[in-house]
Each structure stands twice: as C-alpha cells, then as structure tokens.
Amino acid sequence: MPAQPAEPAHTIVKALADPERLRVFAEIVLADAPVAVADLNARHPRAERALTRLFEAGLLTREDGRLRAAPEAFRDAAAAARAARPDAPADVAPEVAPLYSGGRIAVRPVNRRTRVALLNDLAGRLFAFDRVYTEREITEALAAEYDDPLQLRRDMIDELLLERTEGGREYRRREAPPIP
C-alpha cells in the first residue's frame, strides 16, 4: 500500500520542530530582504540540510538565488486542515466531523447509518448513562449542536439512544442495538 502524503500542517510542524531549522527559518523571516544562502551557511553550519526540509514543507521560495519566507504555506495548511476536519468540535468523532460547520451540525444525514453514527456521537458526548434528564435539558443540549433539536431528540428516541417516561418529562440514555 503506497504511503499517503502528509497533511501540509503536519509537514510544516515537522520541518520547524528541529531547533536548527527553526533558527534558519526565523532568520529568513526576520530579514528585511531575501537572504543569500552563503550568508546563512556562514552563520549556521547545517543550513543547507535545514533548507532542504524547509523547501519540502513549502516554507521557502527562491528569488534570484536568494531565499524568502513563504507565509502563504501556513494559510494553505490551515485551509487543508479545515477541509480535512471542517469546523467540528474537538471531541467529535472523525467519521461525523464533515457534517459540522462553524462548530454546529450543518446537515442532518439522510443515510441511516451516517445519521445513527452522528446520534451515537452526540449521545456519547452529551448524555451520561447514569443520569435522568428533563426534556428541557435534552432540548438545550441538542440546540447547542443543531438548529432542529426536536428532530434530533425524536431521532435519538427512535434509534433507542434515549428513552422517555410515558409523559415525556424524564429522559434517560440507553444503549442502542446495532444497526442491521
């Protein structure tokens, strides 16, 4: 199986994790004008080796034989990271992260398997097994995640993630059976 290319942000972090590469990059960034390689070699004994990794990470460009920092590499890496995990809260399961935008669920999945994965994630993050919740607590917790909390609450009951009393005043989390 061929190796997958590293994410740009990961490549940048790895390139700057070495103190020598970080010093070389910092000198280039802080220079008022593009820097000559010979000047870097005079001040940093392993500059050539550091430059190779910095170029591979997209952090440098060459202009007329001189080096210049490429700050757009950070912008591009941030965009790639957002595309890989778009605006989902940190503790959201990776398989449902694409359903989020701006920290909230952007779309209720039509596909049942995806919808149940989302509901399981919500139940696991928001509701404990050993607690009784009021209808209001359930609705408020789900409203922080999605524009139609009542639909999510109905979905959680339908998929046996929540059970409620006859009058609907109390709710409890329950273990759901697997999807057939």
C-alpha atoms as a PDB file:
ATOM      1  CA  MET A   1       0.000   0.000   0.000  1.00  0.00           C
ATOM      2  CA  PRO A   2       1.573   3.337  -1.026  1.00  0.00           C
ATOM      3  CA  ALA A   3       2.240   5.871   1.703  1.00  0.00           C
ATOM      4  CA  GLN A   4      -0.235   8.725   1.826  1.00  0.00           C
ATOM      5  CA  PRO A   5       1.191  12.230   1.647  1.00  0.00           C
ATOM      6  CA  ALA A   6       1.374  14.006   4.977  1.00  0.00           C
ATOM      7  CA  GLU A   7      -1.003  16.854   5.688  1.00  0.00           C
ATOM      8  CA  PRO A   8       0.600  20.249   4.981  1.00  0.00           C
ATOM      9  CA  ALA A   9       0.240  21.327   8.614  1.00  0.00           C
ATOM     10  CA  HIS A  10       1.949  18.151   9.784  1.00  0.00           C
ATOM     11  CA  THR A  11       4.789  18.675   7.304  1.00  0.00           C
ATOM     12  CA  ILE A  12       5.270  22.271   8.472  1.00  0.00           C
ATOM     13  CA  VAL A  13       5.304  21.301  12.135  1.00  0.00           C
ATOM     14  CA  LYS A  14       7.834  18.535  11.466  1.00  0.00           C
ATOM     15  CA  ALA A  15      10.035  20.936   9.493  1.00  0.00           C
ATOM     16  CA  LEU A  16      10.012  23.533  12.271  1.00  0.00           C
ATOM     17  CA  ALA A  17      10.333  21.036  15.132  1.00  0.00           C
ATOM     18  CA  ASP A  18      14.111  20.890  14.726  1.00  0.00           C
ATOM     19  CA  PRO A  19      15.779  23.818  16.574  1.00  0.00           C
ATOM     20  CA  GLU A  20      18.385  24.378  13.836  1.00  0.00           C
ATOM     21  CA  ARG A  21      15.756  24.510  11.078  1.00  0.00           C
ATOM     22  CA  LEU A  22      13.658  26.813  13.233  1.00  0.00           C
ATOM     23  CA  ARG A  23      16.625  29.203  13.718  1.00  0.00           C
ATOM     24  CA  VAL A  24      17.364  29.220   9.967  1.00  0.00           C
ATOM     25  CA  PHE A  25      13.701  29.843   9.150  1.00  0.00           C
ATOM     26  CA  ALA A  26      13.437  32.588  11.789  1.00  0.00           C
ATOM     27  CA  GLU A  27      16.443  34.382  10.333  1.00  0.00           C
ATOM     28  CA  ILE A  28      14.895  34.313   6.861  1.00  0.00           C
ATOM     29  CA  VAL A  29      11.521  35.505   8.176  1.00  0.00           C
ATOM     30  CA  LEU A  30      13.038  38.368  10.157  1.00  0.00           C
ATOM     31  CA  ALA A  31      15.311  39.574   7.352  1.00  0.00           C
ATOM     32  CA  ASP A  32      14.267  42.813   5.652  1.00  0.00           C
ATOM     33  CA  ALA A  33      15.127  41.395   2.224  1.00  0.00           C
ATOM     34  CA  PRO A  34      15.662  37.982   0.638  1.00  0.00           C
ATOM     35  CA  VAL A  35      18.652  36.175   2.185  1.00  0.00           C
ATOM     36  CA  ALA A  36      21.653  34.705   0.344  1.00  0.00           C
ATOM     37  CA  VAL A  37      22.381  31.029   1.007  1.00  0.00           C
ATOM     38  CA  ALA A  38      26.071  31.850   1.561  1.00  0.00           C
ATOM     39  CA  ASP A  39      25.142  34.236   4.390  1.00  0.00           C
ATOM     40  CA  LEU A  40      23.069  31.533   6.061  1.00  0.00           C
ATOM     41  CA  ASN A  41      25.864  28.971   5.671  1.00  0.00           C
ATOM     42  CA  ALA A  42      28.284  31.360   7.380  1.00  0.00           C
ATOM     43  CA  ARG A  43      26.057  31.663  10.462  1.00  0.00           C
ATOM     44  CA  HIS A  44      24.506  28.167  10.548  1.00  0.00           C
ATOM     45  CA  PRO A  45      26.826  25.195   9.910  1.00  0.00           C
ATOM     46  CA  ARG A  46      23.967  22.893   8.833  1.00  0.00           C
ATOM     47  CA  ALA A  47      21.947  25.475   6.912  1.00  0.00           C
ATOM     48  CA  GLU A  48      21.944  23.511   3.622  1.00  0.00           C
ATOM     49  CA  ARG A  49      20.406  20.496   5.318  1.00  0.00           C
ATOM     50  CA  ALA A  50      17.836  22.696   7.084  1.00  0.00           C
ATOM     51  CA  LEU A  51      16.922  24.450   3.841  1.00  0.00           C
ATOM     52  CA  THR A  52      16.075  21.163   2.146  1.00  0.00           C
ATOM     53  CA  ARG A  53      13.385  20.345   4.726  1.00  0.00           C
ATOM     54  CA  LEU A  54      12.094  23.928   4.747  1.00  0.00           C
ATOM     55  CA  PHE A  55      11.706  23.871   0.951  1.00  0.00           C
ATOM     56  CA  GLU A  56       9.964  20.473   1.117  1.00  0.00           C
ATOM     57  CA  ALA A  57       7.488  21.931   3.609  1.00  0.00           C
ATOM     58  CA  GLY A  58       6.790  24.850   1.250  1.00  0.00           C
ATOM     59  CA  LEU A  59       8.065  27.394   3.760  1.00  0.00           C
ATOM     60  CA  LEU A  60      10.648  28.980   1.448  1.00  0.00           C
ATOM     61  CA  THR A  61      10.877  30.277  -2.093  1.00  0.00           C
ATOM     62  CA  ARG A  62      13.922  31.220  -4.139  1.00  0.00           C
ATOM     63  CA  GLU A  63      14.134  34.637  -5.853  1.00  0.00           C
ATOM     64  CA  ASP A  64      17.182  35.418  -7.951  1.00  0.00           C
ATOM     65  CA  GLY A  65      19.273  32.908  -5.977  1.00  0.00           C
ATOM     66  CA  ARG A  66      18.146  34.348  -2.636  1.00  0.00           C
ATOM     67  CA  LEU A  67      15.689  32.918  -0.143  1.00  0.00           C
ATOM     68  CA  ARG A  68      12.411  34.355   1.021  1.00  0.00           C
ATOM     69  CA  ALA A  69       9.858  33.003   3.525  1.00  0.00           C
ATOM     70  CA  ALA A  70       6.546  31.812   2.079  1.00  0.00           C
ATOM     71  CA  PRO A  71       3.915  32.717   4.701  1.00  0.00           C
ATOM     72  CA  GLU A  72       1.152  31.523   2.378  1.00  0.00           C
ATOM     73  CA  ALA A  73       2.228  27.968   3.300  1.00  0.00           C
ATOM     74  CA  PHE A  74       0.607  28.488   6.706  1.00  0.00           C
ATOM     75  CA  ARG A  75      -2.630  29.780   5.153  1.00  0.00           C
ATOM     76  CA  ASP A  76      -2.750  26.844   2.745  1.00  0.00           C
ATOM     77  CA  ALA A  77      -2.045  24.345   5.538  1.00  0.00           C
ATOM     78  CA  ALA A  78      -4.843  25.830   7.649  1.00  0.00           C
ATOM     79  CA  ALA A  79      -7.258  25.556   4.703  1.00  0.00           C
ATOM     80  CA  ALA A  80      -6.275  21.921   4.145  1.00  0.00           C
ATOM     81  CA  ALA A  81      -6.771  21.156   7.841  1.00  0.00           C
ATOM     82  CA  ARG A  82     -10.230  22.758   7.753  1.00  0.00           C
ATOM     83  CA  ALA A  83     -11.134  20.703   4.698  1.00  0.00           C
ATOM     84  CA  ALA A  84      -9.951  17.514   6.398  1.00  0.00           C
ATOM     85  CA  ARG A  85     -11.926  18.203   9.571  1.00  0.00           C
ATOM     86  CA  PRO A  86     -14.299  21.082   8.843  1.00  0.00           C
ATOM     87  CA  ASP A  87     -15.101  23.112  11.920  1.00  0.00           C
ATOM     88  CA  ALA A  88     -16.134  20.216  14.141  1.00  0.00           C
ATOM     89  CA  PRO A  89     -15.731  20.488  17.893  1.00  0.00           C
ATOM     90  CA  ALA A  90     -12.531  18.819  19.105  1.00  0.00           C
ATOM     91  CA  ASP A  91     -14.221  15.798  20.668  1.00  0.00           C
ATOM     92  CA  VAL A  92     -16.441  14.908  17.683  1.00  0.00           C
ATOM     93  CA  ALA A  93     -15.833  11.501  16.131  1.00  0.00           C
ATOM     94  CA  PRO A  94     -13.823  11.837  12.880  1.00  0.00           C
ATOM     95  CA  GLU A  95     -16.418   9.962  10.811  1.00  0.00           C
ATOM     96  CA  VAL A  96     -19.091  12.587  11.559  1.00  0.00           C
ATOM     97  CA  ALA A  97     -16.827  15.675  11.589  1.00  0.00           C
ATOM     98  CA  PRO A  98     -17.651  16.531   7.940  1.00  0.00           C
ATOM     99  CA  LEU A  99     -21.273  17.098   8.997  1.00  0.00           C
ATOM    100  CA  TYR A 100     -20.215  20.143  11.046  1.00  0.00           C
ATOM    101  CA  SER A 101     -19.675  23.737  10.026  1.00  0.00           C
ATOM    102  CA  GLY A 102     -18.843  26.529  12.426  1.00  0.00           C
ATOM    103  CA  GLY A 103     -18.928  24.104  15.344  1.00  0.00           C
ATOM    104  CA  ARG A 104     -22.521  23.016  14.690  1.00  0.00           C
ATOM    105  CA  ILE A 105     -24.186  20.260  12.723  1.00  0.00           C
ATOM    106  CA  ALA A 106     -24.761  21.711   9.276  1.00  0.00           C
ATOM    107  CA  VAL A 107     -26.885  18.927   7.836  1.00  0.00           C
ATOM    108  CA  ARG A 108     -28.946  16.054   9.229  1.00  0.00           C
ATOM    109  CA  PRO A 109     -27.812  12.967   7.326  1.00  0.00           C
ATOM    110  CA  VAL A 110     -30.360  11.182   5.142  1.00  0.00           C
ATOM    111  CA  ASN A 111     -28.387   7.933   5.168  1.00  0.00           C
ATOM    112  CA  ARG A 112     -29.438   5.996   8.265  1.00  0.00           C
ATOM    113  CA  ARG A 113     -26.001   4.573   9.037  1.00  0.00           C
ATOM    114  CA  THR A 114     -24.458   8.070   8.973  1.00  0.00           C
ATOM    115  CA  ARG A 115     -27.345   9.534  10.967  1.00  0.00           C
ATOM    116  CA  VAL A 116     -27.005   6.833  13.657  1.00  0.00           C
ATOM    117  CA  ALA A 117     -23.240   7.438  13.808  1.00  0.00           C
ATOM    118  CA  LEU A 118     -23.967  11.127  14.403  1.00  0.00           C
ATOM    119  CA  LEU A 119     -26.606  10.345  17.030  1.00  0.00           C
ATOM    120  CA  ASN A 120     -24.263   7.918  18.805  1.00  0.00           C
ATOM    121  CA  ASP A 121     -21.567  10.581  18.844  1.00  0.00           C
ATOM    122  CA  LEU A 122     -23.984  13.152  20.278  1.00  0.00           C
ATOM    123  CA  ALA A 123     -25.293  10.737  22.903  1.00  0.00           C
ATOM    124  CA  GLY A 124     -21.766   9.801  23.946  1.00  0.00           C
ATOM    125  CA  ARG A 125     -20.643  13.409  24.243  1.00  0.00           C
ATOM    126  CA  LEU A 126     -23.766  14.968  25.746  1.00  0.00           C
ATOM    127  CA  PHE A 127     -25.562  12.413  27.886  1.00  0.00           C
ATOM    128  CA  ALA A 128     -24.440  10.084  30.678  1.00  0.00           C
ATOM    129  CA  PHE A 129     -25.975   6.645  31.245  1.00  0.00           C
ATOM    130  CA  ASP A 130     -26.406   7.116  34.982  1.00  0.00           C
ATOM    131  CA  ARG A 131     -28.450  10.306  34.915  1.00  0.00           C
ATOM    132  CA  VAL A 132     -32.078  11.312  34.418  1.00  0.00           C
ATOM    133  CA  TYR A 133     -32.590  14.380  32.197  1.00  0.00           C
ATOM    134  CA  THR A 134     -35.546  16.687  31.824  1.00  0.00           C
ATOM    135  CA  GLU A 135     -36.991  17.377  28.401  1.00  0.00           C
ATOM    136  CA  ARG A 136     -35.609  20.895  28.629  1.00  0.00           C
ATOM    137  CA  GLU A 137     -32.050  19.660  29.380  1.00  0.00           C
ATOM    138  CA  ILE A 138     -32.137  17.334  26.383  1.00  0.00           C
ATOM    139  CA  THR A 139     -33.504  20.035  24.091  1.00  0.00           C
ATOM    140  CA  GLU A 140     -30.985  22.665  25.249  1.00  0.00           C
ATOM    141  CA  ALA A 141     -28.037  20.307  24.823  1.00  0.00           C
ATOM    142  CA  LEU A 142     -29.140  19.367  21.307  1.00  0.00           C
ATOM    143  CA  ALA A 143     -29.967  23.002  20.412  1.00  0.00           C
ATOM    144  CA  ALA A 144     -26.311  23.864  21.021  1.00  0.00           C
ATOM    145  CA  GLU A 145     -25.455  21.357  18.274  1.00  0.00           C
ATOM    146  CA  TYR A 146     -28.212  21.739  15.671  1.00  0.00           C
ATOM    147  CA  ASP A 147     -30.982  24.123  14.568  1.00  0.00           C
ATOM    148  CA  ASP A 148     -33.734  21.498  14.995  1.00  0.00           C
ATOM    149  CA  PRO A 149     -33.126  19.929  18.407  1.00  0.00           C
ATOM    150  CA  LEU A 150     -36.614  18.395  18.488  1.00  0.00           C
ATOM    151  CA  GLN A 151     -35.838  16.368  15.372  1.00  0.00           C
ATOM    152  CA  LEU A 152     -32.584  15.147  16.906  1.00  0.00           C
ATOM    153  CA  ARG A 153     -34.398  14.240  20.115  1.00  0.00           C
ATOM    154  CA  ARG A 154     -37.019  12.254  18.154  1.00  0.00           C
ATOM    155  CA  ASP A 155     -34.230  10.563  16.176  1.00  0.00           C
ATOM    156  CA  MET A 156     -32.436   9.588  19.391  1.00  0.00           C
ATOM    157  CA  ILE A 157     -35.619   8.066  20.783  1.00  0.00           C
ATOM    158  CA  ASP A 158     -36.389   6.276  17.504  1.00  0.00           C
ATOM    159  CA  GLU A 159     -32.870   4.811  17.410  1.00  0.00           C
ATOM    160  CA  LEU A 160     -33.144   3.735  21.080  1.00  0.00           C
ATOM    161  CA  LEU A 161     -30.384   6.039  22.305  1.00  0.00           C
ATOM    162  CA  LEU A 162     -32.784   7.825  24.652  1.00  0.00           C
ATOM    163  CA  GLU A 163     -35.859   6.536  26.425  1.00  0.00           C
ATOM    164  CA  ARG A 164     -38.516   8.706  27.982  1.00  0.00           C
ATOM    165  CA  THR A 165     -41.224   8.306  30.545  1.00  0.00           C
ATOM    166  CA  GLU A 166     -44.844   7.988  29.481  1.00  0.00           C
ATOM    167  CA  GLY A 167     -45.483  11.735  29.901  1.00  0.00           C
ATOM    168  CA  GLY A 168     -42.185  12.695  28.261  1.00  0.00           C
ATOM    169  CA  ARG A 169     -40.915  14.620  31.289  1.00  0.00           C
ATOM    170  CA  GLU A 170     -37.873  12.474  32.007  1.00  0.00           C
ATOM    171  CA  TYR A 171     -35.288  11.043  29.661  1.00  0.00           C
ATOM    172  CA  ARG A 172     -32.506   8.577  30.158  1.00  0.00           C
ATOM    173  CA  ARG A 173     -29.689   7.469  27.891  1.00  0.00           C
ATOM    174  CA  ARG A 174     -29.800   3.843  26.880  1.00  0.00           C
ATOM    175  CA  GLU A 175     -27.591   1.502  24.919  1.00  0.00           C
ATOM    176  CA  ALA A 176     -28.723   1.180  21.334  1.00  0.00           C
ATOM    177  CA  PRO A 177     -28.845  -2.110  19.481  1.00  0.00           C
ATOM    178  CA  PRO A 178     -26.520  -2.388  16.469  1.00  0.00           C
ATOM    179  CA  ILE A 179     -27.803  -1.278  13.078  1.00  0.00           C
ATOM    180  CA  PRO A 180     -28.860  -4.304  10.975  1.00  0.00           C
END
